[in-house]
Every structure is written in structure tokens, then in C-alpha cells.
Protein backbone atom coordinates (compact mmCIF):
# COMPACT_ATOMS: atom_id res chain seq x y z
CA UNK A 1 -76.91 218.58 96.60
CA UNK A 2 -74.35 219.35 99.26
CA UNK A 3 -70.82 220.62 99.74
CA UNK A 4 -68.71 218.96 102.45
CA UNK A 5 -66.38 221.39 104.21
CA UNK A 6 -63.90 220.32 106.91
CA UNK A 7 -63.91 222.81 109.78
CA UNK A 8 -60.59 224.57 110.05
CA UNK A 9 -61.79 227.41 112.27
CA UNK A 10 -64.57 227.49 114.86
CA UNK A 11 -64.99 231.21 114.15
CA UNK A 12 -66.65 230.78 110.75
CA UNK A 13 -69.71 233.10 110.53
CA UNK A 14 -71.75 230.21 109.10
CA UNK A 15 -71.30 228.33 112.39
CA UNK A 16 -72.96 231.06 114.44
CA UNK A 17 -76.30 229.17 114.89
CA UNK A 18 -74.39 226.26 116.41
CA UNK A 19 -72.46 228.55 118.76
CA UNK A 20 -75.73 230.01 120.05
CA UNK A 21 -77.64 226.75 120.54
CA UNK A 22 -78.48 227.70 124.12
CA UNK A 23 -80.09 230.92 122.91
CA UNK A 24 -82.97 229.33 121.02
CA UNK A 25 -85.18 232.42 121.10
CA UNK A 26 -82.45 234.36 119.31
CA UNK A 27 -82.50 231.77 116.54
CA UNK A 28 -86.31 231.81 116.56
CA UNK A 29 -86.21 235.54 115.90
CA UNK A 30 -84.05 234.84 112.82
CA UNK A 31 -86.57 232.33 111.49
CA UNK A 32 -84.26 229.33 111.93
CA UNK A 33 -84.06 226.34 114.28
CA UNK A 34 -81.50 223.70 115.21
CA UNK A 35 -82.22 219.99 114.73
CA UNK A 36 -80.24 217.84 117.16
CA UNK A 37 -79.63 214.09 116.96
CA UNK A 38 -79.47 211.49 114.20
CA UNK A 39 -83.23 210.80 113.97
CA UNK A 40 -84.25 214.45 114.11
CA UNK A 41 -81.73 215.50 111.46
CA UNK A 42 -82.73 212.55 109.28
CA UNK A 43 -86.39 213.56 109.50
CA UNK A 44 -85.50 217.16 108.67
CA UNK A 45 -83.61 216.04 105.55
CA UNK A 46 -86.57 213.86 104.54
CA UNK A 47 -89.00 216.77 104.98
CA UNK A 48 -89.84 219.70 102.68
CA UNK A 49 -88.44 222.16 105.25
CA UNK A 50 -85.58 224.30 103.87
CA UNK A 51 -82.17 223.18 105.19
CA UNK A 52 -79.56 225.89 105.86
CA UNK A 53 -76.58 223.73 106.88
CA UNK A 54 -75.51 220.47 108.52
CA UNK A 55 -72.76 219.86 111.11
CA UNK A 56 -71.53 216.36 111.96
CA UNK A 57 -68.52 214.16 112.73
CA UNK A 58 -66.95 212.74 109.57
CA UNK A 59 -68.07 209.17 110.38
CA UNK A 60 -71.70 210.23 109.78
CA UNK A 61 -71.10 211.81 106.37
CA UNK A 62 -71.41 208.60 104.35
CA UNK A 63 -74.56 207.62 106.25
CA UNK A 64 -76.30 210.91 105.43
CA UNK A 65 -74.93 211.27 101.89
CA UNK A 66 -78.01 209.76 100.10
CA UNK A 67 -80.38 212.14 101.92
CA UNK A 68 -78.12 215.13 101.35
CA UNK A 69 -77.75 214.31 97.65
CA UNK A 70 -81.53 214.09 97.25
CA UNK A 71 -82.18 217.54 98.73
CA UNK A 72 -83.50 220.21 96.32
CA UNK A 73 -81.15 222.97 97.55
CA UNK A 74 -78.32 223.85 95.19
CA UNK A 75 -75.49 223.33 97.69
CA UNK A 76 -76.10 222.71 101.38
CA UNK A 77 -72.96 223.46 103.42
CA UNK A 78 -72.07 220.32 105.40
CA UNK A 79 -69.48 221.15 108.05
CA UNK A 80 -67.44 218.12 109.04
CA UNK A 81 -65.37 217.66 112.19
CA UNK A 82 -62.81 214.91 112.70
CA UNK A 83 -63.73 214.36 116.36
CA UNK A 84 -66.89 214.91 118.37
CA UNK A 85 -64.96 216.84 121.01
CA UNK A 86 -64.31 219.59 118.45
CA UNK A 87 -68.04 219.90 117.89
CA UNK A 88 -68.65 219.97 121.65
CA UNK A 89 -66.12 222.76 121.98
CA UNK A 90 -68.10 224.70 119.39
CA UNK A 91 -71.56 224.24 120.93
CA UNK A 92 -70.39 224.43 124.55
CA UNK A 93 -71.79 221.18 125.96
CA UNK A 94 -71.43 217.39 125.71
CA UNK A 95 -73.39 215.58 123.00
CA UNK A 96 -74.23 211.92 122.40
CA UNK A 97 -74.12 211.68 118.59
CA UNK A 98 -72.98 215.13 117.54
CA UNK A 99 -75.29 215.29 114.51
CA UNK A 100 -76.80 218.76 113.98
CA UNK A 101 -78.52 220.78 111.28
CA UNK A 102 -80.06 224.21 110.87
CA UNK A 103 -83.46 224.46 109.20
CA UNK A 104 -85.64 227.39 108.24
CA UNK A 105 -89.07 227.85 109.82
CA UNK A 106 -91.73 227.96 107.10
CA UNK A 107 -94.37 230.68 106.98
CA UNK A 108 -97.34 229.64 109.12
CA UNK A 109 -100.48 228.56 107.32
CA UNK A 110 -103.47 230.84 107.80
CA UNK A 111 -106.44 229.51 109.73
CA UNK A 112 -108.33 229.30 106.42
CA UNK A 113 -105.56 227.16 104.91
CA UNK A 114 -105.42 224.97 107.99
CA UNK A 115 -109.12 224.23 107.61
CA UNK A 116 -108.90 223.69 103.84
CA UNK A 117 -106.00 221.24 104.20
CA UNK A 118 -107.77 219.13 106.81
CA UNK A 119 -110.37 216.42 106.23
CA UNK A 120 -113.53 215.72 108.18
CA UNK A 121 -113.89 214.92 110.96
CA UNK A 122 -111.25 217.52 111.76
CA UNK A 123 -108.97 217.21 114.76
CA UNK A 124 -106.88 220.16 115.97
CA UNK A 125 -105.06 220.91 119.20
CA UNK A 126 -104.29 224.29 120.74
CA UNK A 127 -101.95 225.31 123.57
CA UNK A 128 -102.35 228.23 125.95
CA UNK A 129 -99.29 229.67 127.78
CA UNK A 130 -97.35 226.42 127.43
CA UNK A 131 -93.81 227.63 128.11
CA UNK A 132 -91.88 224.40 128.72
CA UNK A 133 -90.19 223.46 125.42
CA UNK A 134 -89.76 219.79 126.34
CA UNK A 135 -93.46 219.44 127.19
CA UNK A 136 -94.43 221.20 123.98
CA UNK A 137 -92.23 218.82 121.98
CA UNK A 138 -93.81 215.82 123.68
CA UNK A 139 -97.27 217.16 122.87
CA UNK A 140 -96.28 217.59 119.20
CA UNK A 141 -95.12 213.98 119.07
CA UNK A 142 -98.46 212.81 120.49
CA UNK A 143 -100.31 214.97 117.97
CA UNK A 144 -98.61 213.27 115.04
CA UNK A 145 -99.03 209.81 116.62
CA UNK A 146 -102.79 210.36 117.01
CA UNK A 147 -103.74 211.95 113.67
CA UNK A 148 -103.97 215.62 114.68
CA UNK A 149 -104.31 217.79 111.56
CA UNK A 150 -102.99 221.06 112.96
CA UNK A 151 -101.56 222.67 116.10
CA UNK A 152 -102.54 226.20 117.14
CA UNK A 153 -99.92 227.80 119.39
CA UNK A 154 -101.22 230.62 121.56
CA UNK A 155 -99.47 233.98 121.65
CA UNK A 156 -98.14 233.35 125.19
CA UNK A 157 -96.73 229.88 124.46
CA UNK A 158 -93.20 228.90 123.56
CA UNK A 159 -92.46 228.13 119.95
CA UNK A 160 -92.48 224.46 118.92
CA UNK A 161 -89.36 225.29 116.89
CA UNK A 162 -87.15 225.94 119.92
CA UNK A 163 -84.28 223.45 119.92
CA UNK A 164 -85.49 221.42 122.91
CA UNK A 165 -89.02 221.29 121.55
CA UNK A 166 -87.80 220.05 118.15
CA UNK A 167 -85.60 217.47 119.88
CA UNK A 168 -88.40 216.21 122.17
CA UNK A 169 -90.77 215.96 119.22
CA UNK A 170 -88.22 213.58 117.65
CA UNK A 171 -88.63 215.51 114.42
CA UNK A 172 -92.37 214.93 114.16
CA UNK A 173 -92.77 218.74 114.14
CA UNK A 174 -91.83 218.52 110.44
CA UNK A 175 -95.05 216.57 109.80
CA UNK A 176 -97.51 218.78 111.69
CA UNK A 177 -99.03 222.01 110.30
CA UNK A 178 -98.52 224.73 112.93
CA UNK A 179 -100.46 227.99 113.20
CA UNK A 180 -98.25 229.99 115.58
CA UNK A 181 -99.95 233.19 116.73
CA UNK A 182 -96.76 234.97 117.81
CA UNK A 183 -95.29 234.39 114.34
CA UNK A 184 -98.48 235.38 112.54
CA UNK A 185 -98.89 238.52 114.66
CA UNK A 186 -95.29 239.56 114.01
CA UNK A 187 -96.11 239.66 110.29
CA UNK A 188 -98.99 242.11 110.76
CA UNK A 189 -98.08 245.51 109.33
CA UNK A 190 -99.10 248.90 110.79
CA UNK A 191 -102.64 249.75 109.80
CA UNK A 192 -103.59 246.09 109.37
CA UNK A 193 -105.88 244.10 111.72
CA UNK A 194 -104.89 243.95 115.37
CA UNK A 195 -102.87 240.91 116.55
CA UNK A 196 -105.06 237.91 117.26
CA UNK A 197 -105.30 236.09 120.57
CA UNK A 198 -105.91 232.40 121.15
CA UNK A 199 -109.37 233.10 122.56
CA UNK A 200 -110.30 234.98 119.37
CA UNK A 201 -109.07 232.11 117.20
CA UNK A 202 -111.09 229.60 119.23
CA UNK A 203 -114.23 231.70 118.84
CA UNK A 204 -113.54 231.86 115.09
CA UNK A 205 -113.23 228.07 114.95
CA UNK A 206 -116.54 227.70 116.74
CA UNK A 207 -118.23 229.91 114.14
CA UNK A 208 -116.89 227.52 111.50
CA UNK A 209 -118.42 224.49 113.21
CA UNK A 210 -115.37 223.26 115.13
CA UNK A 211 -116.14 222.43 118.77
CA UNK A 212 -113.44 223.73 121.12
CA UNK A 213 -113.00 221.49 124.15
CA UNK A 214 -110.88 222.61 127.10
CA UNK A 215 -108.80 219.99 128.91
CA UNK A 216 -109.57 221.18 132.43
CA UNK A 217 -109.51 219.19 135.71
CA UNK A 218 -112.42 220.88 137.42
CA UNK A 219 -115.13 219.12 139.38
CA UNK A 220 -118.03 220.09 137.14
CA UNK A 221 -116.31 219.27 133.85
CA UNK A 222 -117.51 216.39 131.70
CA UNK A 223 -115.25 213.36 131.68
CA UNK A 224 -113.72 211.87 128.54
CA UNK A 225 -116.19 209.00 128.35
CA UNK A 226 -119.12 211.45 128.59
CA UNK A 227 -117.88 213.55 125.65
CA UNK A 228 -118.60 213.04 121.95
CA UNK A 229 -115.46 213.54 119.83
CA UNK A 230 -116.91 212.24 116.58
CA UNK A 231 -117.32 215.65 114.92
CA UNK A 232 -114.87 218.45 114.11
CA UNK A 233 -113.09 219.47 117.32
CA UNK A 234 -110.11 221.31 118.75
CA UNK A 235 -108.65 220.14 122.06
CA UNK A 236 -107.20 222.98 124.12
CA UNK A 237 -104.40 222.36 126.64
CA UNK A 238 -103.08 224.80 129.23
CA UNK A 239 -99.80 225.65 130.92
CA UNK A 240 -97.92 223.38 133.30
CA UNK A 241 -98.57 225.38 136.45
CA UNK A 242 -101.77 227.35 135.92
CA UNK A 243 -103.80 225.52 133.31
CA UNK A 244 -105.98 227.53 130.94
CA UNK A 245 -106.49 231.26 131.28
CA UNK A 246 -109.99 232.53 132.07
CA UNK A 247 -110.25 234.07 128.58
CA UNK A 248 -109.30 230.84 126.84
CA UNK A 249 -111.59 228.75 129.00
CA UNK A 250 -114.50 231.10 128.31
CA UNK A 251 -113.87 230.84 124.55
CA UNK A 252 -114.32 227.04 124.59
CA UNK A 253 -117.62 225.20 124.17
CA UNK A 254 -117.11 223.13 127.28
CA UNK A 255 -114.51 221.70 129.67
CA UNK A 256 -113.55 218.02 129.71
CA UNK A 257 -111.57 216.20 132.39
CA UNK A 258 -109.72 212.93 132.80
CA UNK A 259 -111.21 211.00 135.74
CA UNK A 260 -108.54 210.58 138.42
CA UNK A 261 -108.36 209.89 142.17
CA UNK A 262 -108.68 212.98 144.40
CA UNK A 263 -105.02 212.70 145.42
CA UNK A 264 -103.92 213.53 141.84
CA UNK A 265 -105.02 216.94 140.59
CA UNK A 266 -103.53 216.86 137.05
CA UNK A 267 -101.20 215.17 134.59
CA UNK A 268 -98.21 216.44 132.66
CA UNK A 269 -99.56 218.09 129.50
CA UNK A 270 -97.91 215.51 127.26
CA UNK A 271 -99.53 212.66 129.20
CA UNK A 272 -102.90 214.42 129.28
CA UNK A 273 -102.77 215.03 125.54
CA UNK A 274 -102.00 211.35 124.89
CA UNK A 275 -105.03 210.27 126.96
CA UNK A 276 -107.37 212.76 125.24
CA UNK A 277 -106.13 211.99 121.74
CA UNK A 278 -106.35 208.23 122.25
CA UNK A 279 -110.00 208.61 123.26
CA UNK A 280 -110.72 210.75 120.19
CA UNK A 281 -109.15 208.10 117.93
CA UNK A 282 -110.98 205.30 119.76
CA UNK A 283 -114.33 206.98 119.18
CA UNK A 284 -113.47 207.52 115.53
CA UNK A 285 -112.48 203.87 115.05
CA UNK A 286 -108.75 204.56 114.65
CA UNK A 287 -107.49 202.99 117.88
């Protein structure tokens, strides 16, 4: 259910997440995220993710009413503005559609749960020090497009729930199980096990029979066509500027590269992920 509420004051405390849209990490620390755009908000409302509130121009209310009515929450506040310029005054920048919502980040699944929920042959991806939110969102979108069963986000990576990451994923983040190390480590209490690192998680996966393959453009790496992706595997992608850390690379079974001319040393991580994941699906008869 939902409760439509015309905005009479931009100072309402409930509108604070929309006033701080440019401070995504602040929202991340509160366990919430902002969904921006008609498709992303629609996919949020269709998902099992908890919805905190919705903000939109009044012309969109009737369009979203069936989805809002079907939500399990008792009464989602739906803040309605008469003109998009009022919304832009609130958020502080120009918008195309002006459709926004605030969702709540779910608790991350444990590594055990991630494995139990996946079917063989398993396919996971992991990211190491990936700090560009747009690139991370693009990678998430490729993961969902190519049947990835879980994303492992290293402790030095940005969160896939930052606003720009959610927007660039086009809402596919709501369909992908995410094991986010920074979030999991923040929940560790004093006296409990030490915070985990991505390299430790990769070594744990290897003990469980999951091959960890580093996407790494080095001369002595195997190429895609020389690599067998038919069994359980986790593809590991590095940062935009520096690639994989030495610790992460050492924790992988082997490095795999995309064959390219010498004049091109690497691809954008979203493009590289699409190439790798297509090859995995091709070998598994899904392409």
C-alpha cells in the first residue's frame, strides 16, 4: 500500500535522502540507497527489496499506482510534486524524468548461503578495488545478463548500492546476490573473527572447489579460448587504473587475458566483463 503526500515544504525530514543524493556514501552508511529513473524505480518496486519512500511528479503517480498498491509495506510515503522543477530544486541538479525512490540495502548473504543458493556449474564474479560507481553498475548489468549467480565486492571497492552504480545497473542490482565485504566486516563485533579480505575469500572458494580466474592482461596469461570455464568458477576483475592487487592475483588459480593488439593494453572493466562472461556462457551452451 502507499500514501500519496503532496510536498508543501522541501524541509520535511523524510526528504533528507533526496537532499543528499550527491553524498551517496552517507546514505550507504545509513543502509539505504536512491533509485533514479523510471526503469530503475519500477524494478525496485517489482523486487523484494524494502522500499522506504518514493518521490515523483504527479503525472507519474497513476502509472506507478499498480506497483505501489501491490507492495507488502503497510504505507509507503509517496511524495508528489506538481512540477519537475520543484524536485530539481530539492535534489540540486537537473533530471530527465524526476522519478526517485529510496530503498533499504538488505543484509548480505554469507559465503555459505551464496554457495547454497547457486546451482552447478556455479558462476561468480569478484571485484578488487573497483572505485568507479558507473563502471561497477555496468559490470552488475553484465552479470545479470550473463547468468552470474553472485557478486563478491572486495573491501576496497565502491558499493554497488551507490546511486550512480544503481542507476548504471538499470536496476539489475535488485536481481543479483551481493556479498559485500565492507558491509560484512562492519557487522563483525569485538572479539569475533577478524575482518575478511578479498584474497582470503578467494582462497576459501578454491578450497570449496571453485576455480578463481583473474582477468589480467599480462603476456604469460592464458587467453579466453585456452581456458576451460565449464566447471564452478569465479571471475575476478580489478580496478580501472591498476588492475588486480598482488595479493588478489596470488590468491587466484590462474590469470586469463583477452587477446588484443599490442597497441591496446586493456579494456574498460564493463567491456572486459562482457567479453569474459559471454565466453563462459558460450562454453556452457547458453550463448
